[in-house]
Amino acid sequence: MIIPQQHTIETPYMVGPVHCYTLEYENEIILFDTGPPTESGRKFLSEHIDLARLKHVIITHCHVDHYGQAAWLEQNSDATIYLPQRDILKHKHHETRLEMLFGLLADMGFGDGYLEKLKDSFYRAVLFLPFPERYLTSEIDIPERLGINVKQCAGHSQSDLVYYGNGWAVTGDTLLRGVFQSPLLDVDLERGGRFKNYEAYCSSIVKLWSLRDKLILPGHRYTIESVEATILFYISKTLHRVKQLLPHIGSNSIARIIEDVFSSMNDPFHIYLKASEIVFMSDFLQRPELLSLALEEIGLYESVAESFSKVIKN
């Protein structure tokens, strides 16, 4: 069994170092994720990866710390770049997506002043990098001969993909030890309207459970102890935070909840993250059975049943 080799690259972001992985197939090098668009990141890739043999660059999701060097690698190697379908849609419909996203936030009570600050925050943080000029779609174009399988596991973002092979799984930001993540608020460019991250998250839990016999190769920190423990950590954190916000959810706008409960929060991007979390919790409270059924399917509901029922009864 051949396990991808881990490479750790420093980033200037609050997420800290990011892991990329290489796998060799015959005389070809496959790279999963690229690290951030920094000079030190380019130096690391140049020194640790034989770019002359790099033939495939496969991205878990197009957040800056994971795909930041994709365009540079296209220019400095013969590699084919594979990107998630939903990230390709975001790129092709960038302005439309932002307009729709800001419309969703406006409907949640956020004013023009905040929306301008958020837009400025997006661009100051260099969240929107140039795409490679030539790329293929991960879900359909990765050559079968490479033995790499793909699972759509929306959760951290709507476009998250997990790549797996014999005994291993490169999971990007979908399984991180000790890090609670709520799905990002976004628009659905395939179906229109808001992307239903809660529904997708419930489906992803079942898919992630199927990886429990594999070595998990995460995007940050170290490998996890078990898929079961990580899922239970996420669920327990979700239920705990829902319980804390129960008196507020549904009675006020999302913007007002953040203003009342998180009054010291000033950074526009952090406010966006918190809004994403509250929307996710609101969706959960409207249809808690989606999560309970997913947990029952993988045999984990009994582990959280007491906490689950307390939240729902309230």
C-alpha atoms as a PDB file:
ATOM      1  CA  MET A   1       0.000   0.000   0.000  1.00  0.00           C
ATOM      2  CA  ILE A   2       1.431   3.385  -1.037  1.00  0.00           C
ATOM      3  CA  ILE A   3       0.454   6.348   1.155  1.00  0.00           C
ATOM      4  CA  PRO A   4       0.759   9.936  -0.144  1.00  0.00           C
ATOM      5  CA  GLN A   5       3.661  11.876   1.368  1.00  0.00           C
ATOM      6  CA  GLN A   6       2.777  14.876   3.504  1.00  0.00           C
ATOM      7  CA  HIS A   7       4.360  18.304   2.887  1.00  0.00           C
ATOM      8  CA  THR A   8       3.727  21.139   5.344  1.00  0.00           C
ATOM      9  CA  ILE A   9       3.834  24.733   4.117  1.00  0.00           C
ATOM     10  CA  GLU A  10       3.593  27.822   6.329  1.00  0.00           C
ATOM     11  CA  THR A  11       0.816  30.308   5.552  1.00  0.00           C
ATOM     12  CA  PRO A  12       0.259  33.936   6.614  1.00  0.00           C
ATOM     13  CA  TYR A  13      -3.344  33.126   7.577  1.00  0.00           C
ATOM     14  CA  MET A  14      -4.977  32.394  10.928  1.00  0.00           C
ATOM     15  CA  VAL A  15      -5.435  28.732   9.888  1.00  0.00           C
ATOM     16  CA  GLY A  16      -1.680  28.248  10.257  1.00  0.00           C
ATOM     17  CA  PRO A  17       0.361  25.715   8.244  1.00  0.00           C
ATOM     18  CA  VAL A  18      -1.319  23.743   5.484  1.00  0.00           C
ATOM     19  CA  HIS A  19      -0.580  20.188   4.350  1.00  0.00           C
ATOM     20  CA  CYS A  20      -0.171  19.190   0.716  1.00  0.00           C
ATOM     21  CA  TYR A  21       0.430  15.607  -0.404  1.00  0.00           C
ATOM     22  CA  THR A  22       2.323  13.917  -3.219  1.00  0.00           C
ATOM     23  CA  LEU A  23       1.773  10.471  -4.674  1.00  0.00           C
ATOM     24  CA  GLU A  24       3.846   8.795  -7.378  1.00  0.00           C
ATOM     25  CA  TYR A  25       2.279   6.820 -10.196  1.00  0.00           C
ATOM     26  CA  GLU A  26       4.826   5.135 -12.445  1.00  0.00           C
ATOM     27  CA  ASN A  27       7.147   8.099 -13.161  1.00  0.00           C
ATOM     28  CA  GLU A  28       4.506  10.782 -12.632  1.00  0.00           C
ATOM     29  CA  ILE A  29       4.020  12.926  -9.531  1.00  0.00           C
ATOM     30  CA  ILE A  30       0.517  13.751  -8.328  1.00  0.00           C
ATOM     31  CA  LEU A  31       0.111  16.755  -5.997  1.00  0.00           C
ATOM     32  CA  PHE A  32      -2.972  17.214  -3.809  1.00  0.00           C
ATOM     33  CA  ASP A  33      -3.413  20.938  -3.010  1.00  0.00           C
ATOM     34  CA  THR A  34      -0.680  23.521  -3.464  1.00  0.00           C
ATOM     35  CA  GLY A  35      -0.340  25.782  -0.437  1.00  0.00           C
ATOM     36  CA  PRO A  36      -0.719  29.580  -0.414  1.00  0.00           C
ATOM     37  CA  PRO A  37       0.320  32.085  -3.112  1.00  0.00           C
ATOM     38  CA  THR A  38       3.469  33.231  -1.310  1.00  0.00           C
ATOM     39  CA  GLU A  39       7.086  33.427  -2.373  1.00  0.00           C
ATOM     40  CA  SER A  40       8.051  31.042   0.418  1.00  0.00           C
ATOM     41  CA  GLY A  41       5.358  28.627  -0.797  1.00  0.00           C
ATOM     42  CA  ARG A  42       6.789  28.655  -4.318  1.00  0.00           C
ATOM     43  CA  LYS A  43      10.270  28.122  -2.920  1.00  0.00           C
ATOM     44  CA  PHE A  44       9.039  25.128  -0.911  1.00  0.00           C
ATOM     45  CA  LEU A  45       7.385  23.510  -3.923  1.00  0.00           C
ATOM     46  CA  SER A  46      10.446  24.123  -6.098  1.00  0.00           C
ATOM     47  CA  GLU A  47      12.763  22.558  -3.532  1.00  0.00           C
ATOM     48  CA  HIS A  48      10.636  19.599  -2.423  1.00  0.00           C
ATOM     49  CA  ILE A  49       8.823  18.523  -5.591  1.00  0.00           C
ATOM     50  CA  ASP A  50      10.354  17.525  -8.906  1.00  0.00           C
ATOM     51  CA  LEU A  51       8.364  19.901 -11.100  1.00  0.00           C
ATOM     52  CA  ALA A  52       9.687  18.170 -14.229  1.00  0.00           C
ATOM     53  CA  ARG A  53       7.768  15.038 -13.194  1.00  0.00           C
ATOM     54  CA  LEU A  54       4.698  16.804 -11.801  1.00  0.00           C
ATOM     55  CA  LYS A  55       1.816  15.750 -14.049  1.00  0.00           C
ATOM     56  CA  HIS A  56      -1.350  16.149 -11.962  1.00  0.00           C
ATOM     57  CA  VAL A  57      -2.387  18.863  -9.476  1.00  0.00           C
ATOM     58  CA  ILE A  58      -5.626  17.924  -7.723  1.00  0.00           C
ATOM     59  CA  ILE A  59      -7.407  20.500  -5.530  1.00  0.00           C
ATOM     60  CA  THR A  60      -9.694  19.674  -2.599  1.00  0.00           C
ATOM     61  CA  HIS A  61     -11.347  23.129  -2.620  1.00  0.00           C
ATOM     62  CA  CYS A  62     -10.423  26.543  -3.922  1.00  0.00           C
ATOM     63  CA  HIS A  63      -9.630  28.387  -0.704  1.00  0.00           C
ATOM     64  CA  VAL A  64      -6.484  30.449  -0.957  1.00  0.00           C
ATOM     65  CA  ASP A  65      -4.354  28.241   1.301  1.00  0.00           C
ATOM     66  CA  HIS A  66      -5.217  25.120  -0.688  1.00  0.00           C
ATOM     67  CA  TYR A  67      -5.071  26.208  -4.333  1.00  0.00           C
ATOM     68  CA  GLY A  68      -2.975  29.373  -4.134  1.00  0.00           C
ATOM     69  CA  GLN A  69      -0.163  28.076  -6.365  1.00  0.00           C
ATOM     70  CA  ALA A  70      -2.334  26.387  -9.008  1.00  0.00           C
ATOM     71  CA  ALA A  71      -1.824  29.059 -11.663  1.00  0.00           C
ATOM     72  CA  TRP A  72       1.907  29.251 -10.885  1.00  0.00           C
ATOM     73  CA  LEU A  73       2.272  25.471 -11.202  1.00  0.00           C
ATOM     74  CA  GLU A  74       0.478  25.581 -14.540  1.00  0.00           C
ATOM     75  CA  GLN A  75       3.131  28.029 -15.752  1.00  0.00           C
ATOM     76  CA  ASN A  76       6.093  26.174 -14.253  1.00  0.00           C
ATOM     77  CA  SER A  77       5.264  22.538 -14.958  1.00  0.00           C
ATOM     78  CA  ASP A  78       3.448  20.333 -17.455  1.00  0.00           C
ATOM     79  CA  ALA A  79       0.846  19.382 -14.864  1.00  0.00           C
ATOM     80  CA  THR A  80      -2.864  19.169 -15.544  1.00  0.00           C
ATOM     81  CA  ILE A  81      -4.912  21.073 -12.942  1.00  0.00           C
ATOM     82  CA  TYR A  82      -8.115  19.465 -11.598  1.00  0.00           C
ATOM     83  CA  LEU A  83     -10.631  21.695  -9.793  1.00  0.00           C
ATOM     84  CA  PRO A  84     -13.965  21.027  -8.047  1.00  0.00           C
ATOM     85  CA  GLN A  85     -16.991  21.644 -10.269  1.00  0.00           C
ATOM     86  CA  ARG A  86     -18.641  24.086  -7.864  1.00  0.00           C
ATOM     87  CA  ASP A  87     -15.462  26.162  -7.620  1.00  0.00           C
ATOM     88  CA  ILE A  88     -15.320  26.328 -11.406  1.00  0.00           C
ATOM     89  CA  LEU A  89     -18.874  27.704 -11.366  1.00  0.00           C
ATOM     90  CA  LYS A  90     -17.904  30.287  -8.753  1.00  0.00           C
ATOM     91  CA  HIS A  91     -15.044  31.421 -10.967  1.00  0.00           C
ATOM     92  CA  LYS A  92     -17.128  31.604 -14.128  1.00  0.00           C
ATOM     93  CA  HIS A  93     -19.948  33.504 -12.422  1.00  0.00           C
ATOM     94  CA  HIS A  94     -17.889  35.494  -9.926  1.00  0.00           C
ATOM     95  CA  GLU A  95     -19.745  38.814 -10.045  1.00  0.00           C
ATOM     96  CA  THR A  96     -23.165  37.161 -10.148  1.00  0.00           C
ATOM     97  CA  ARG A  97     -22.262  35.012  -7.161  1.00  0.00           C
ATOM     98  CA  LEU A  98     -21.125  38.001  -5.081  1.00  0.00           C
ATOM     99  CA  GLU A  99     -24.238  39.966  -5.992  1.00  0.00           C
ATOM    100  CA  MET A 100     -26.440  37.043  -4.947  1.00  0.00           C
ATOM    101  CA  LEU A 101     -24.459  36.445  -1.744  1.00  0.00           C
ATOM    102  CA  PHE A 102     -24.722  40.082  -0.705  1.00  0.00           C
ATOM    103  CA  GLY A 103     -28.429  39.906  -1.503  1.00  0.00           C
ATOM    104  CA  LEU A 104     -28.796  36.998   0.911  1.00  0.00           C
ATOM    105  CA  LEU A 105     -26.949  38.943   3.602  1.00  0.00           C
ATOM    106  CA  ALA A 106     -29.095  42.013   3.007  1.00  0.00           C
ATOM    107  CA  ASP A 107     -32.206  39.864   3.511  1.00  0.00           C
ATOM    108  CA  MET A 108     -30.676  38.778   6.832  1.00  0.00           C
ATOM    109  CA  GLY A 109     -30.554  42.382   8.046  1.00  0.00           C
ATOM    110  CA  PHE A 110     -27.047  43.464   7.041  1.00  0.00           C
ATOM    111  CA  GLY A 111     -26.801  47.024   5.763  1.00  0.00           C
ATOM    112  CA  ASP A 112     -24.907  48.510   2.833  1.00  0.00           C
ATOM    113  CA  GLY A 113     -22.082  49.731   5.066  1.00  0.00           C
ATOM    114  CA  TYR A 114     -21.320  46.247   6.326  1.00  0.00           C
ATOM    115  CA  LEU A 115     -21.604  44.713   2.853  1.00  0.00           C
ATOM    116  CA  GLU A 116     -19.058  47.195   1.476  1.00  0.00           C
ATOM    117  CA  LYS A 117     -16.674  46.328   4.309  1.00  0.00           C
ATOM    118  CA  LEU A 118     -17.135  42.606   3.667  1.00  0.00           C
ATOM    119  CA  LYS A 119     -16.442  43.004  -0.044  1.00  0.00           C
ATOM    120  CA  ASP A 120     -13.308  44.987   0.749  1.00  0.00           C
ATOM    121  CA  SER A 121     -12.294  42.294   3.254  1.00  0.00           C
ATOM    122  CA  PHE A 122     -12.674  39.588   0.589  1.00  0.00           C
ATOM    123  CA  TYR A 123     -10.327  41.380  -1.779  1.00  0.00           C
ATOM    124  CA  ARG A 124      -7.818  42.535   0.842  1.00  0.00           C
ATOM    125  CA  ALA A 125      -7.494  38.917   1.995  1.00  0.00           C
ATOM    126  CA  VAL A 126      -6.794  37.871  -1.617  1.00  0.00           C
ATOM    127  CA  LEU A 127      -9.608  35.316  -1.492  1.00  0.00           C
ATOM    128  CA  PHE A 128     -10.146  35.491  -5.249  1.00  0.00           C
ATOM    129  CA  LEU A 129      -7.005  34.372  -7.039  1.00  0.00           C
ATOM    130  CA  PRO A 130      -6.487  33.976 -10.774  1.00  0.00           C
ATOM    131  CA  PHE A 131      -7.526  30.538 -11.971  1.00  0.00           C
ATOM    132  CA  PRO A 132      -5.242  28.540 -14.215  1.00  0.00           C
ATOM    133  CA  GLU A 133      -6.008  29.175 -17.866  1.00  0.00           C
ATOM    134  CA  ARG A 134      -6.468  25.454 -18.517  1.00  0.00           C
ATOM    135  CA  TYR A 135      -8.091  23.092 -16.061  1.00  0.00           C
ATOM    136  CA  LEU A 136     -10.276  20.007 -15.881  1.00  0.00           C
ATOM    137  CA  THR A 137     -13.074  19.016 -13.515  1.00  0.00           C
ATOM    138  CA  SER A 138     -12.072  16.754 -10.633  1.00  0.00           C
ATOM    139  CA  GLU A 139     -15.368  14.902 -10.412  1.00  0.00           C
ATOM    140  CA  ILE A 140     -15.267  13.629 -13.998  1.00  0.00           C
ATOM    141  CA  ASP A 141     -11.814  14.098 -15.540  1.00  0.00           C
ATOM    142  CA  ILE A 142      -9.228  12.459 -13.255  1.00  0.00           C
ATOM    143  CA  PRO A 143      -7.826   9.510 -15.281  1.00  0.00           C
ATOM    144  CA  GLU A 144      -9.119   6.173 -14.038  1.00  0.00           C
ATOM    145  CA  ARG A 145      -5.631   4.670 -14.345  1.00  0.00           C
ATOM    146  CA  LEU A 146      -4.458   6.789 -11.391  1.00  0.00           C
ATOM    147  CA  GLY A 147      -6.741   4.873  -9.002  1.00  0.00           C
ATOM    148  CA  ILE A 148      -8.019   8.045  -7.328  1.00  0.00           C
ATOM    149  CA  ASN A 149     -11.671   8.187  -6.272  1.00  0.00           C
ATOM    150  CA  VAL A 150     -13.676  11.323  -5.484  1.00  0.00           C
ATOM    151  CA  LYS A 151     -16.398  12.055  -2.939  1.00  0.00           C
ATOM    152  CA  GLN A 152     -18.344  15.327  -2.800  1.00  0.00           C
ATOM    153  CA  CYS A 153     -18.366  16.198   0.898  1.00  0.00           C
ATOM    154  CA  ALA A 154     -19.810  19.692   1.236  1.00  0.00           C
ATOM    155  CA  GLY A 155     -19.488  21.011   4.748  1.00  0.00           C
ATOM    156  CA  HIS A 156     -16.610  23.416   5.271  1.00  0.00           C
ATOM    157  CA  SER A 157     -17.626  24.863   1.899  1.00  0.00           C
ATOM    158  CA  GLN A 158     -20.066  23.695  -0.744  1.00  0.00           C
ATOM    159  CA  SER A 159     -17.275  22.596  -3.094  1.00  0.00           C
ATOM    160  CA  ASP A 160     -15.227  20.385  -0.733  1.00  0.00           C
ATOM    161  CA  LEU A 161     -13.970  17.156  -2.277  1.00  0.00           C
ATOM    162  CA  VAL A 162     -12.303  14.140  -0.672  1.00  0.00           C
ATOM    163  CA  TYR A 163      -9.861  12.085  -2.731  1.00  0.00           C
ATOM    164  CA  TYR A 164      -9.149   8.519  -1.680  1.00  0.00           C
ATOM    165  CA  GLY A 165      -7.326   5.403  -2.753  1.00  0.00           C
ATOM    166  CA  ASN A 166      -6.138   2.123  -1.276  1.00  0.00           C
ATOM    167  CA  GLY A 167      -5.940   2.750   2.480  1.00  0.00           C
ATOM    168  CA  TRP A 168      -5.793   6.574   2.443  1.00  0.00           C
ATOM    169  CA  ALA A 169      -7.966   9.660   2.009  1.00  0.00           C
ATOM    170  CA  VAL A 170      -6.882  13.266   1.379  1.00  0.00           C
ATOM    171  CA  THR A 171      -9.666  15.214   3.097  1.00  0.00           C
ATOM    172  CA  GLY A 172      -8.747  18.904   2.797  1.00  0.00           C
ATOM    173  CA  ASP A 173     -10.744  20.766   5.439  1.00  0.00           C
ATOM    174  CA  THR A 174     -13.584  18.261   5.878  1.00  0.00           C
ATOM    175  CA  LEU A 175     -12.085  16.316   8.796  1.00  0.00           C
ATOM    176  CA  LEU A 176      -9.959  18.422  11.110  1.00  0.00           C
ATOM    177  CA  ARG A 177      -9.217  17.308  14.653  1.00  0.00           C
ATOM    178  CA  GLY A 178     -10.460  19.643  17.366  1.00  0.00           C
ATOM    179  CA  VAL A 179     -11.738  22.310  14.953  1.00  0.00           C
ATOM    180  CA  PHE A 180     -15.454  23.045  14.836  1.00  0.00           C
ATOM    181  CA  GLN A 181     -16.512  24.375  11.443  1.00  0.00           C
ATOM    182  CA  SER A 182     -19.919  25.520  10.336  1.00  0.00           C
ATOM    183  CA  PRO A 183     -20.605  25.424   6.608  1.00  0.00           C
ATOM    184  CA  LEU A 184     -20.079  28.734   4.845  1.00  0.00           C
ATOM    185  CA  LEU A 185     -23.101  30.718   3.743  1.00  0.00           C
ATOM    186  CA  ASP A 186     -23.139  30.721  -0.059  1.00  0.00           C
ATOM    187  CA  VAL A 187     -25.345  30.690  -3.133  1.00  0.00           C
ATOM    188  CA  ASP A 188     -26.186  27.675  -5.255  1.00  0.00           C
ATOM    189  CA  LEU A 189     -25.088  28.421  -8.806  1.00  0.00           C
ATOM    190  CA  GLU A 190     -26.486  25.093 -10.031  1.00  0.00           C
ATOM    191  CA  ARG A 191     -30.014  25.427  -8.665  1.00  0.00           C
ATOM    192  CA  GLY A 192     -30.334  29.069  -7.671  1.00  0.00           C
ATOM    193  CA  GLY A 193     -30.997  30.573  -4.266  1.00  0.00           C
ATOM    194  CA  ARG A 194     -29.056  29.794  -1.119  1.00  0.00           C
ATOM    195  CA  PHE A 195     -26.935  26.662  -1.058  1.00  0.00           C
ATOM    196  CA  LYS A 196     -28.502  24.288   1.473  1.00  0.00           C
ATOM    197  CA  ASN A 197     -25.341  23.558   3.406  1.00  0.00           C
ATOM    198  CA  TYR A 198     -27.138  21.882   6.299  1.00  0.00           C
ATOM    199  CA  GLU A 199     -28.745  19.329   3.986  1.00  0.00           C
ATOM    200  CA  ALA A 200     -25.441  18.745   2.200  1.00  0.00           C
ATOM    201  CA  TYR A 201     -23.644  18.450   5.550  1.00  0.00           C
ATOM    202  CA  CYS A 202     -25.982  15.667   6.686  1.00  0.00           C
ATOM    203  CA  SER A 203     -25.227  13.786   3.469  1.00  0.00           C
ATOM    204  CA  SER A 204     -21.496  14.397   3.898  1.00  0.00           C
ATOM    205  CA  ILE A 205     -21.464  12.828   7.356  1.00  0.00           C
ATOM    206  CA  VAL A 206     -22.525   9.506   5.859  1.00  0.00           C
ATOM    207  CA  LYS A 207     -19.876   9.777   3.144  1.00  0.00           C
ATOM    208  CA  LEU A 208     -17.144  10.658   5.640  1.00  0.00           C
ATOM    209  CA  TRP A 209     -18.140   7.674   7.784  1.00  0.00           C
ATOM    210  CA  SER A 210     -17.291   5.401   4.861  1.00  0.00           C
ATOM    211  CA  LEU A 211     -13.655   6.535   5.168  1.00  0.00           C
ATOM    212  CA  ARG A 212     -13.202   5.173   8.697  1.00  0.00           C
ATOM    213  CA  ASP A 213     -10.942   2.301   7.592  1.00  0.00           C
ATOM    214  CA  LYS A 214      -8.524   4.668   5.818  1.00  0.00           C
ATOM    215  CA  LEU A 215      -5.617   6.800   6.977  1.00  0.00           C
ATOM    216  CA  ILE A 216      -6.981  10.341   7.024  1.00  0.00           C
ATOM    217  CA  LEU A 217      -4.634  12.924   5.506  1.00  0.00           C
ATOM    218  CA  PRO A 218      -6.049  16.317   6.568  1.00  0.00           C
ATOM    219  CA  GLY A 219      -5.374  19.805   5.289  1.00  0.00           C
ATOM    220  CA  HIS A 220      -4.258  21.150   8.672  1.00  0.00           C
ATOM    221  CA  ARG A 221      -2.905  19.873  11.978  1.00  0.00           C
ATOM    222  CA  TYR A 222      -2.201  16.159  12.311  1.00  0.00           C
ATOM    223  CA  THR A 223      -4.079  13.072  11.273  1.00  0.00           C
ATOM    224  CA  ILE A 224      -7.219  12.330  13.283  1.00  0.00           C
ATOM    225  CA  GLU A 225      -7.602   9.543  15.829  1.00  0.00           C
ATOM    226  CA  SER A 226     -10.786   8.248  14.232  1.00  0.00           C
ATOM    227  CA  VAL A 227     -13.538   9.377  11.898  1.00  0.00           C
ATOM    228  CA  GLU A 228     -16.088   8.450  14.565  1.00  0.00           C
ATOM    229  CA  ALA A 229     -14.515  10.666  17.228  1.00  0.00           C
ATOM    230  CA  THR A 230     -14.221  13.577  14.817  1.00  0.00           C
ATOM    231  CA  ILE A 231     -17.854  13.386  13.687  1.00  0.00           C
ATOM    232  CA  LEU A 232     -19.039  13.135  17.296  1.00  0.00           C
ATOM    233  CA  PHE A 233     -16.916  16.182  18.170  1.00  0.00           C
ATOM    234  CA  TYR A 234     -18.566  18.179  15.377  1.00  0.00           C
ATOM    235  CA  ILE A 235     -22.068  17.113  16.407  1.00  0.00           C
ATOM    236  CA  SER A 236     -21.503  17.822  20.100  1.00  0.00           C
ATOM    237  CA  LYS A 237     -20.186  21.308  19.276  1.00  0.00           C
ATOM    238  CA  THR A 238     -23.142  21.958  16.989  1.00  0.00           C
ATOM    239  CA  LEU A 239     -25.660  20.942  19.651  1.00  0.00           C
ATOM    240  CA  HIS A 240     -23.861  22.975  22.319  1.00  0.00           C
ATOM    241  CA  ARG A 241     -23.873  26.135  20.228  1.00  0.00           C
ATOM    242  CA  VAL A 242     -27.468  25.669  19.120  1.00  0.00           C
ATOM    243  CA  LYS A 243     -28.494  25.422  22.763  1.00  0.00           C
ATOM    244  CA  GLN A 244     -26.641  28.657  23.547  1.00  0.00           C
ATOM    245  CA  LEU A 245     -28.370  30.549  20.744  1.00  0.00           C
ATOM    246  CA  LEU A 246     -31.851  29.035  21.093  1.00  0.00           C
ATOM    247  CA  PRO A 247     -33.320  32.132  22.831  1.00  0.00           C
ATOM    248  CA  HIS A 248     -32.293  34.266  19.865  1.00  0.00           C
ATOM    249  CA  ILE A 249     -32.702  32.163  16.721  1.00  0.00           C
ATOM    250  CA  GLY A 250     -35.978  32.816  14.954  1.00  0.00           C
ATOM    251  CA  SER A 251     -36.943  35.886  16.972  1.00  0.00           C
ATOM    252  CA  ASN A 252     -34.522  38.333  15.362  1.00  0.00           C
ATOM    253  CA  SER A 253     -32.675  38.829  12.097  1.00  0.00           C
ATOM    254  CA  ILE A 254     -29.243  37.205  11.748  1.00  0.00           C
ATOM    255  CA  ALA A 255     -27.623  40.642  11.808  1.00  0.00           C
ATOM    256  CA  ARG A 256     -29.461  41.570  15.014  1.00  0.00           C
ATOM    257  CA  ILE A 257     -28.486  38.309  16.722  1.00  0.00           C
ATOM    258  CA  ILE A 258     -24.813  38.989  16.022  1.00  0.00           C
ATOM    259  CA  GLU A 259     -25.194  42.591  17.196  1.00  0.00           C
ATOM    260  CA  ASP A 260     -26.856  41.507  20.449  1.00  0.00           C
ATOM    261  CA  VAL A 261     -24.875  38.360  21.305  1.00  0.00           C
ATOM    262  CA  PHE A 262     -21.510  39.056  19.709  1.00  0.00           C
ATOM    263  CA  SER A 263     -21.296  42.824  20.131  1.00  0.00           C
ATOM    264  CA  SER A 264     -17.480  42.819  20.368  1.00  0.00           C
ATOM    265  CA  MET A 265     -17.137  41.172  16.945  1.00  0.00           C
ATOM    266  CA  ASN A 266     -16.003  43.831  14.479  1.00  0.00           C
ATOM    267  CA  ASP A 267     -14.108  42.083  11.702  1.00  0.00           C
ATOM    268  CA  PRO A 268     -16.488  41.846   8.699  1.00  0.00           C
ATOM    269  CA  PHE A 269     -15.196  38.438   7.617  1.00  0.00           C
ATOM    270  CA  HIS A 270     -15.589  37.007  11.134  1.00  0.00           C
ATOM    271  CA  ILE A 271     -19.148  38.361  11.181  1.00  0.00           C
ATOM    272  CA  TYR A 272     -19.774  36.562   7.881  1.00  0.00           C
ATOM    273  CA  LEU A 273     -18.465  33.321   9.427  1.00  0.00           C
ATOM    274  CA  LYS A 274     -20.752  33.783  12.435  1.00  0.00           C
ATOM    275  CA  ALA A 275     -23.731  34.489  10.155  1.00  0.00           C
ATOM    276  CA  SER A 276     -22.955  31.238   8.324  1.00  0.00           C
ATOM    277  CA  GLU A 277     -22.992  29.385  11.630  1.00  0.00           C
ATOM    278  CA  ILE A 278     -26.326  30.856  12.728  1.00  0.00           C
ATOM    279  CA  VAL A 279     -27.962  30.098   9.367  1.00  0.00           C
ATOM    280  CA  PHE A 280     -26.740  26.513   9.635  1.00  0.00           C
ATOM    281  CA  MET A 281     -28.215  26.229  13.138  1.00  0.00           C
ATOM    282  CA  SER A 282     -31.514  27.730  12.000  1.00  0.00           C
ATOM    283  CA  ASP A 283     -31.757  25.147   9.231  1.00  0.00           C
ATOM    284  CA  PHE A 284     -31.021  22.418  11.765  1.00  0.00           C
ATOM    285  CA  LEU A 285     -33.810  23.587  14.068  1.00  0.00           C
ATOM    286  CA  GLN A 286     -36.275  23.577  11.178  1.00  0.00           C
ATOM    287  CA  ARG A 287     -35.403  20.016  10.112  1.00  0.00           C
ATOM    288  CA  PRO A 288     -33.501  18.229  12.912  1.00  0.00           C
ATOM    289  CA  GLU A 289     -34.588  14.849  11.561  1.00  0.00           C
ATOM    290  CA  LEU A 290     -32.142  15.160   8.658  1.00  0.00           C
ATOM    291  CA  LEU A 291     -29.199  15.055  11.032  1.00  0.00           C
ATOM    292  CA  SER A 292     -30.671  12.422  13.339  1.00  0.00           C
ATOM    293  CA  LEU A 293     -31.397  10.122  10.385  1.00  0.00           C
ATOM    294  CA  ALA A 294     -27.842  10.536   9.074  1.00  0.00           C
ATOM    295  CA  LEU A 295     -26.445   9.693  12.502  1.00  0.00           C
ATOM    296  CA  GLU A 296     -28.761   6.703  12.816  1.00  0.00           C
ATOM    297  CA  GLU A 297     -27.600   5.448   9.422  1.00  0.00           C
ATOM    298  CA  ILE A 298     -23.983   5.343  10.594  1.00  0.00           C
ATOM    299  CA  GLY A 299     -24.820   4.086  14.098  1.00  0.00           C
ATOM    300  CA  LEU A 300     -23.823   7.205  16.057  1.00  0.00           C
ATOM    301  CA  TYR A 301     -27.169   8.675  17.075  1.00  0.00           C
ATOM    302  CA  GLU A 302     -27.338   6.911  20.445  1.00  0.00           C
ATOM    303  CA  SER A 303     -24.043   8.581  21.420  1.00  0.00           C
ATOM    304  CA  VAL A 304     -25.652  12.038  21.172  1.00  0.00           C
ATOM    305  CA  ALA A 305     -29.333  11.180  21.657  1.00  0.00           C
ATOM    306  CA  GLU A 306     -29.658  12.791  25.092  1.00  0.00           C
ATOM    307  CA  SER A 307     -28.073  16.084  24.026  1.00  0.00           C
ATOM    308  CA  PHE A 308     -30.010  16.002  20.760  1.00  0.00           C
ATOM    309  CA  SER A 309     -33.381  15.571  22.458  1.00  0.00           C
ATOM    310  CA  LYS A 310     -32.670  18.360  24.966  1.00  0.00           C
ATOM    311  CA  VAL A 311     -31.984  20.832  22.193  1.00  0.00           C
ATOM    312  CA  ILE A 312     -35.054  19.822  20.163  1.00  0.00           C
ATOM    313  CA  LYS A 313     -37.425  19.897  23.169  1.00  0.00           C
ATOM    314  CA  ASN A 314     -36.352  23.420  23.951  1.00  0.00           C
END
